PDB file of N, CA and C in Angstrom:
ATOM      1  N   MET A   1      75.619 -16.905  34.987  1.00  0.00           N
ATOM      2  CA  MET A   1      76.049 -18.239  34.758  1.00  0.00           C
ATOM      3  C   MET A   1      77.228 -18.429  33.964  1.00  0.00           C
ATOM      4  N   ALA A   2      77.959 -19.464  33.988  1.00  0.00           N
ATOM      5  CA  ALA A   2      79.248 -19.687  33.451  1.00  0.00           C
ATOM      6  C   ALA A   2      79.157 -19.774  31.981  1.00  0.00           C
ATOM      7  N   PHE A   3      78.326 -20.466  31.442  1.00  0.00           N
ATOM      8  CA  PHE A   3      78.275 -20.768  29.922  1.00  0.00           C
ATOM      9  C   PHE A   3      77.033 -20.124  29.345  1.00  0.00           C
ATOM     10  N   THR A   4      77.003 -18.813  29.380  1.00  0.00           N
ATOM     11  CA  THR A   4      75.960 -17.974  28.840  1.00  0.00           C
ATOM     12  C   THR A   4      76.468 -16.798  28.190  1.00  0.00           C
ATOM     13  N   CYS A   5      75.919 -16.428  26.984  1.00  0.00           N
ATOM     14  CA  CYS A   5      76.237 -15.330  26.216  1.00  0.00           C
ATOM     15  C   CYS A   5      75.581 -14.054  26.890  1.00  0.00           C
ATOM     16  N   GLU A   6      76.330 -13.015  27.102  1.00  0.00           N
ATOM     17  CA  GLU A   6      75.695 -11.924  27.866  1.00  0.00           C
ATOM     18  C   GLU A   6      74.821 -10.954  27.077  1.00  0.00           C
ATOM     19  N   TYR A   7      74.756 -11.246  25.729  1.00  0.00           N
ATOM     20  CA  TYR A   7      73.933 -10.459  24.770  1.00  0.00           C
ATOM     21  C   TYR A   7      72.574 -11.236  24.438  1.00  0.00           C
ATOM     22  N   CYS A   8      72.742 -12.476  24.056  1.00  0.00           N
ATOM     23  CA  CYS A   8      71.413 -13.142  23.572  1.00  0.00           C
ATOM     24  C   CYS A   8      71.010 -14.090  24.485  1.00  0.00           C
ATOM     25  N   GLY A   9      71.849 -14.492  25.572  1.00  0.00           N
ATOM     26  CA  GLY A   9      71.355 -15.498  26.557  1.00  0.00           C
ATOM     27  C   GLY A   9      71.541 -17.001  26.120  1.00  0.00           C
ATOM     28  N   LYS A  10      72.277 -17.116  24.940  1.00  0.00           N
ATOM     29  CA  LYS A  10      72.454 -18.566  24.652  1.00  0.00           C
ATOM     30  C   LYS A  10      73.264 -19.285  25.690  1.00  0.00           C
ATOM     31  N   ALA A  11      72.730 -20.422  26.125  1.00  0.00           N
ATOM     32  CA  ALA A  11      73.338 -21.158  27.197  1.00  0.00           C
ATOM     33  C   ALA A  11      73.687 -22.553  26.666  1.00  0.00           C
ATOM     34  N   ARG A  12      74.164 -23.432  27.601  1.00  0.00           N
ATOM     35  CA  ARG A  12      74.505 -24.887  27.251  1.00  0.00           C
ATOM     36  C   ARG A  12      73.283 -25.695  27.151  1.00  0.00           C
ATOM     37  N   GLN A  13      73.340 -26.794  26.315  1.00  0.00           N
ATOM     38  CA  GLN A  13      72.118 -27.488  26.126  1.00  0.00           C
ATOM     39  C   GLN A  13      72.486 -29.065  26.552  1.00  0.00           C
ATOM     40  N   LYS A  14      71.368 -29.727  26.881  1.00  0.00           N
ATOM     41  CA  LYS A  14      71.561 -31.048  27.173  1.00  0.00           C
ATOM     42  C   LYS A  14      71.439 -31.948  25.979  1.00  0.00           C
ATOM     43  N   ALA A  15      72.199 -33.069  25.854  1.00  0.00           N
ATOM     44  CA  ALA A  15      72.165 -33.819  24.700  1.00  0.00           C
ATOM     45  C   ALA A  15      72.449 -35.243  25.138  1.00  0.00           C
ATOM     46  N   HIS A  16      72.454 -36.265  24.359  1.00  0.00           N
ATOM     47  CA  HIS A  16      72.720 -37.664  24.612  1.00  0.00           C
ATOM     48  C   HIS A  16      73.910 -38.035  23.748  1.00  0.00           C
ATOM     49  N   LYS A  17      74.906 -38.633  24.368  1.00  0.00           N
ATOM     50  CA  LYS A  17      75.879 -39.291  23.605  1.00  0.00           C
ATOM     51  C   LYS A  17      75.489 -40.705  23.520  1.00  0.00           C
ATOM     52  N   ILE A  18      75.379 -41.225  22.198  1.00  0.00           N
ATOM     53  CA  ILE A  18      74.812 -42.555  21.957  1.00  0.00           C
ATOM     54  C   ILE A  18      75.952 -43.538  21.530  1.00  0.00           C
ATOM     55  N   SER A  19      76.167 -44.508  22.282  1.00  0.00           N
ATOM     56  CA  SER A  19      77.241 -45.463  21.881  1.00  0.00           C
ATOM     57  C   SER A  19      76.771 -46.502  20.900  1.00  0.00           C
ATOM     58  N   HIS A  20      77.669 -47.287  20.339  1.00  0.00           N
ATOM     59  CA  HIS A  20      77.416 -48.374  19.301  1.00  0.00           C
ATOM     60  C   HIS A  20      76.310 -49.285  19.767  1.00  0.00           C
ATOM     61  N   SER A  21      76.342 -49.510  21.211  1.00  0.00           N
ATOM     62  CA  SER A  21      75.303 -50.445  21.610  1.00  0.00           C
ATOM     63  C   SER A  21      74.029 -49.668  22.109  1.00  0.00           C
ATOM     64  N   ASN A  22      73.952 -48.402  21.631  1.00  0.00           N
ATOM     65  CA  ASN A  22      72.718 -47.650  21.814  1.00  0.00           C
ATOM     66  C   ASN A  22      72.467 -47.242  23.274  1.00  0.00           C
ATOM     67  N   ILE A  23      73.509 -47.199  24.197  1.00  0.00           N
ATOM     68  CA  ILE A  23      73.429 -46.757  25.464  1.00  0.00           C
ATOM     69  C   ILE A  23      73.534 -45.275  25.459  1.00  0.00           C
ATOM     70  N   LYS A  24      72.595 -44.546  26.092  1.00  0.00           N
ATOM     71  CA  LYS A  24      72.616 -43.279  26.096  1.00  0.00           C
ATOM     72  C   LYS A  24      73.132 -42.529  27.439  1.00  0.00           C
ATOM     73  N   THR A  25      74.046 -41.815  27.335  1.00  0.00           N
ATOM     74  CA  THR A  25      74.611 -40.976  28.468  1.00  0.00           C
ATOM     75  C   THR A  25      74.487 -39.534  28.278  1.00  0.00           C
ATOM     76  N   ARG A  26      74.422 -38.800  29.357  1.00  0.00           N
ATOM     77  CA  ARG A  26      74.137 -37.376  29.321  1.00  0.00           C
ATOM     78  C   ARG A  26      75.447 -36.662  28.946  1.00  0.00           C
ATOM     79  N   LYS A  27      75.331 -35.694  28.075  1.00  0.00           N
ATOM     80  CA  LYS A  27      76.435 -34.774  27.753  1.00  0.00           C
ATOM     81  C   LYS A  27      75.995 -33.476  27.657  1.00  0.00           C
ATOM     82  N   TRP A  28      76.756 -32.366  27.569  1.00  0.00           N
ATOM     83  CA  TRP A  28      76.347 -31.133  27.607  1.00  0.00           C
ATOM     84  C   TRP A  28      77.073 -30.473  26.409  1.00  0.00           C
ATOM     85  N   GLN A  29      76.324 -29.799  25.535  1.00  0.00           N
ATOM     86  CA  GLN A  29      76.897 -28.856  24.387  1.00  0.00           C
ATOM     87  C   GLN A  29      77.075 -27.523  24.801  1.00  0.00           C
ATOM     88  N   GLN A  30      78.294 -26.936  24.683  1.00  0.00           N
ATOM     89  CA  GLN A  30      78.610 -25.617  25.202  1.00  0.00           C
ATOM     90  C   GLN A  30      78.562 -24.737  23.919  1.00  0.00           C
ATOM     91  N   PRO A  31      78.033 -23.444  24.053  1.00  0.00           N
ATOM     92  CA  PRO A  31      78.157 -22.494  22.954  1.00  0.00           C
ATOM     93  C   PRO A  31      79.534 -22.077  22.808  1.00  0.00           C
ATOM     94  N   ASN A  32      79.834 -21.489  21.627  1.00  0.00           N
ATOM     95  CA  ASN A  32      81.118 -21.018  21.303  1.00  0.00           C
ATOM     96  C   ASN A  32      81.374 -19.435  21.888  1.00  0.00           C
ATOM     97  N   LEU A  33      81.721 -19.471  23.100  1.00  0.00           N
ATOM     98  CA  LEU A  33      81.814 -18.172  23.860  1.00  0.00           C
ATOM     99  C   LEU A  33      83.272 -17.691  23.705  1.00  0.00           C
ATOM    100  N   GLN A  34      83.340 -16.393  23.549  1.00  0.00           N
ATOM    101  CA  GLN A  34      84.696 -15.803  23.432  1.00  0.00           C
ATOM    102  C   GLN A  34      84.718 -14.565  24.429  1.00  0.00           C
ATOM    103  N   ALA A  35      85.789 -14.308  25.107  1.00  0.00           N
ATOM    104  CA  ALA A  35      85.942 -13.198  25.948  1.00  0.00           C
ATOM    105  C   ALA A  35      86.474 -12.043  25.090  1.00  0.00           C
ATOM    106  N   VAL A  36      85.742 -10.952  25.038  1.00  0.00           N
ATOM    107  CA  VAL A  36      86.035  -9.892  24.181  1.00  0.00           C
ATOM    108  C   VAL A  36      85.905  -8.532  25.087  1.00  0.00           C
ATOM    109  N   HIS A  37      86.752  -7.640  24.778  1.00  0.00           N
ATOM    110  CA  HIS A  37      86.691  -6.294  25.395  1.00  0.00           C
ATOM    111  C   HIS A  37      85.506  -5.481  24.536  1.00  0.00           C
ATOM    112  N   ALA A  38      84.533  -5.066  25.244  1.00  0.00           N
ATOM    113  CA  ALA A  38      83.406  -4.496  24.464  1.00  0.00           C
ATOM    114  C   ALA A  38      82.883  -3.236  25.210  1.00  0.00           C
ATOM    115  N   LEU A  39      82.313  -2.375  24.551  1.00  0.00           N
ATOM    116  CA  LEU A  39      81.582  -1.313  25.283  1.00  0.00           C
ATOM    117  C   LEU A  39      80.229  -1.770  25.660  1.00  0.00           C
ATOM    118  N   LYS A  40      80.019  -1.642  27.065  1.00  0.00           N
ATOM    119  CA  LYS A  40      78.711  -1.993  27.653  1.00  0.00           C
ATOM    120  C   LYS A  40      78.421  -1.013  28.639  1.00  0.00           C
ATOM    121  N   ASP A  41      77.301  -0.283  28.524  1.00  0.00           N
ATOM    122  CA  ASP A  41      76.714   0.669  29.305  1.00  0.00           C
ATOM    123  C   ASP A  41      77.797   1.880  29.503  1.00  0.00           C
ATOM    124  N   GLY A  42      78.511   2.108  28.319  1.00  0.00           N
ATOM    125  CA  GLY A  42      79.326   3.319  28.183  1.00  0.00           C
ATOM    126  C   GLY A  42      80.700   2.837  28.691  1.00  0.00           C
ATOM    127  N   LEU A  43      80.986   1.735  29.252  1.00  0.00           N
ATOM    128  CA  LEU A  43      82.267   1.321  29.837  1.00  0.00           C
ATOM    129  C   LEU A  43      82.915   0.205  28.996  1.00  0.00           C
ATOM    130  N   VAL A  44      84.245   0.213  29.030  1.00  0.00           N
ATOM    131  CA  VAL A  44      84.857  -1.009  28.448  1.00  0.00           C
ATOM    132  C   VAL A  44      84.907  -2.007  29.388  1.00  0.00           C
ATOM    133  N   GLN A  45      84.324  -3.144  29.083  1.00  0.00           N
ATOM    134  CA  GLN A  45      84.319  -4.261  29.898  1.00  0.00           C
ATOM    135  C   GLN A  45      84.702  -5.595  29.284  1.00  0.00           C
ATOM    136  N   LYS A  46      85.240  -6.539  29.991  1.00  0.00           N
ATOM    137  CA  LYS A  46      85.438  -7.910  29.495  1.00  0.00           C
ATOM    138  C   LYS A  46      84.252  -8.722  29.536  1.00  0.00           C
ATOM    139  N   VAL A  47      83.583  -9.101  28.450  1.00  0.00           N
ATOM    140  CA  VAL A  47      82.389  -9.760  28.505  1.00  0.00           C
ATOM    141  C   VAL A  47      82.575 -11.190  27.670  1.00  0.00           C
ATOM    142  N   LYS A  48      81.671 -12.152  27.987  1.00  0.00           N
ATOM    143  CA  LYS A  48      81.563 -13.286  27.277  1.00  0.00           C
ATOM    144  C   LYS A  48      80.326 -13.312  26.198  1.00  0.00           C
ATOM    145  N   ALA A  49      80.748 -13.367  25.068  1.00  0.00           N
ATOM    146  CA  ALA A  49      79.801 -13.352  23.828  1.00  0.00           C
ATOM    147  C   ALA A  49      79.972 -14.400  22.832  1.00  0.00           C
ATOM    148  N   CYS A  50      78.875 -14.890  22.410  1.00  0.00           N
ATOM    149  CA  CYS A  50      78.868 -15.971  21.402  1.00  0.00           C
ATOM    150  C   CYS A  50      79.390 -15.389  20.086  1.00  0.00           C
ATOM    151  N   THR A  51      79.851 -16.321  19.315  1.00  0.00           N
ATOM    152  CA  THR A  51      80.465 -15.855  17.908  1.00  0.00           C
ATOM    153  C   THR A  51      79.309 -15.360  16.994  1.00  0.00           C
ATOM    154  N   ARG A  52      78.157 -15.798  17.222  1.00  0.00           N
ATOM    155  CA  ARG A  52      76.975 -15.235  16.407  1.00  0.00           C
ATOM    156  C   ARG A  52      76.767 -13.801  16.692  1.00  0.00           C
ATOM    157  N   CYS A  53      76.771 -13.463  18.030  1.00  0.00           N
ATOM    158  CA  CYS A  53      76.591 -12.030  18.246  1.00  0.00           C
ATOM    159  C   CYS A  53      77.794 -11.093  17.886  1.00  0.00           C
ATOM    160  N   ILE A  54      78.918 -11.681  18.035  1.00  0.00           N
ATOM    161  CA  ILE A  54      80.120 -10.935  17.639  1.00  0.00           C
ATOM    162  C   ILE A  54      80.062 -10.760  16.091  1.00  0.00           C
ATOM    163  N   ARG A  55      79.727 -11.715  15.265  1.00  0.00           N
ATOM    164  CA  ARG A  55      79.621 -11.627  13.861  1.00  0.00           C
ATOM    165  C   ARG A  55      78.532 -10.816  13.382  1.00  0.00           C
ATOM    166  N   SER A  56      77.434 -10.778  14.076  1.00  0.00           N
ATOM    167  CA  SER A  56      76.271 -10.018  13.523  1.00  0.00           C
ATOM    168  C   SER A  56      76.329  -8.467  13.999  1.00  0.00           C
ATOM    169  N   GLY A  57      77.344  -8.155  14.811  1.00  0.00           N
ATOM    170  CA  GLY A  57      77.386  -6.758  15.145  1.00  0.00           C
ATOM    171  C   GLY A  57      76.755  -6.270  16.335  1.00  0.00           C
ATOM    172  N   ALA A  58      76.228  -7.207  17.258  1.00  0.00           N
ATOM    173  CA  ALA A  58      75.546  -6.996  18.396  1.00  0.00           C
ATOM    174  C   ALA A  58      76.518  -6.434  19.439  1.00  0.00           C
ATOM    175  N   VAL A  59      77.774  -6.867  19.382  1.00  0.00           N
ATOM    176  CA  VAL A  59      78.818  -6.595  20.262  1.00  0.00           C
ATOM    177  C   VAL A  59      79.663  -5.398  19.691  1.00  0.00           C
ATOM    178  N   VAL A  60      79.800  -4.305  20.325  1.00  0.00           N
ATOM    179  CA  VAL A  60      80.531  -3.256  19.935  1.00  0.00           C
ATOM    180  C   VAL A  60      81.902  -3.364  20.686  1.00  0.00           C
ATOM    181  N   LYS A  61      82.917  -3.796  19.857  1.00  0.00           N
ATOM    182  CA  LYS A  61      84.249  -3.906  20.369  1.00  0.00           C
ATOM    183  C   LYS A  61      84.890  -2.664  20.694  1.00  0.00           C
ATOM    184  N   ALA A  62      85.717  -2.647  21.826  1.00  0.00           N
ATOM    185  CA  ALA A  62      86.422  -1.425  22.249  1.00  0.00           C
ATOM    186  C   ALA A  62      87.723  -1.341  21.354  1.00  0.00           C
ATOM    187  N   ALA A  63      87.991  -0.064  20.801  1.00  0.00           N
ATOM    188  CA  ALA A  63      89.135   0.127  20.100  1.00  0.00           C
ATOM    189  C   ALA A  63      90.445   0.233  20.897  1.00  0.00           C
TER     190      ALA A  63
END
């Protein structure tokens, strides 16, 4: 999928945008995904990872 972290599976979420007159329209909240070069299965690959996974160390960056 387009907006999914390849490590934790975090994806986009549905939400409502609420106007001043309380009209609710659908919107999508996207996770903060970054394209990084990482070691995956012993190879250097370009992957999409959320910043939480990058910060926690779940993603091993390629040197």
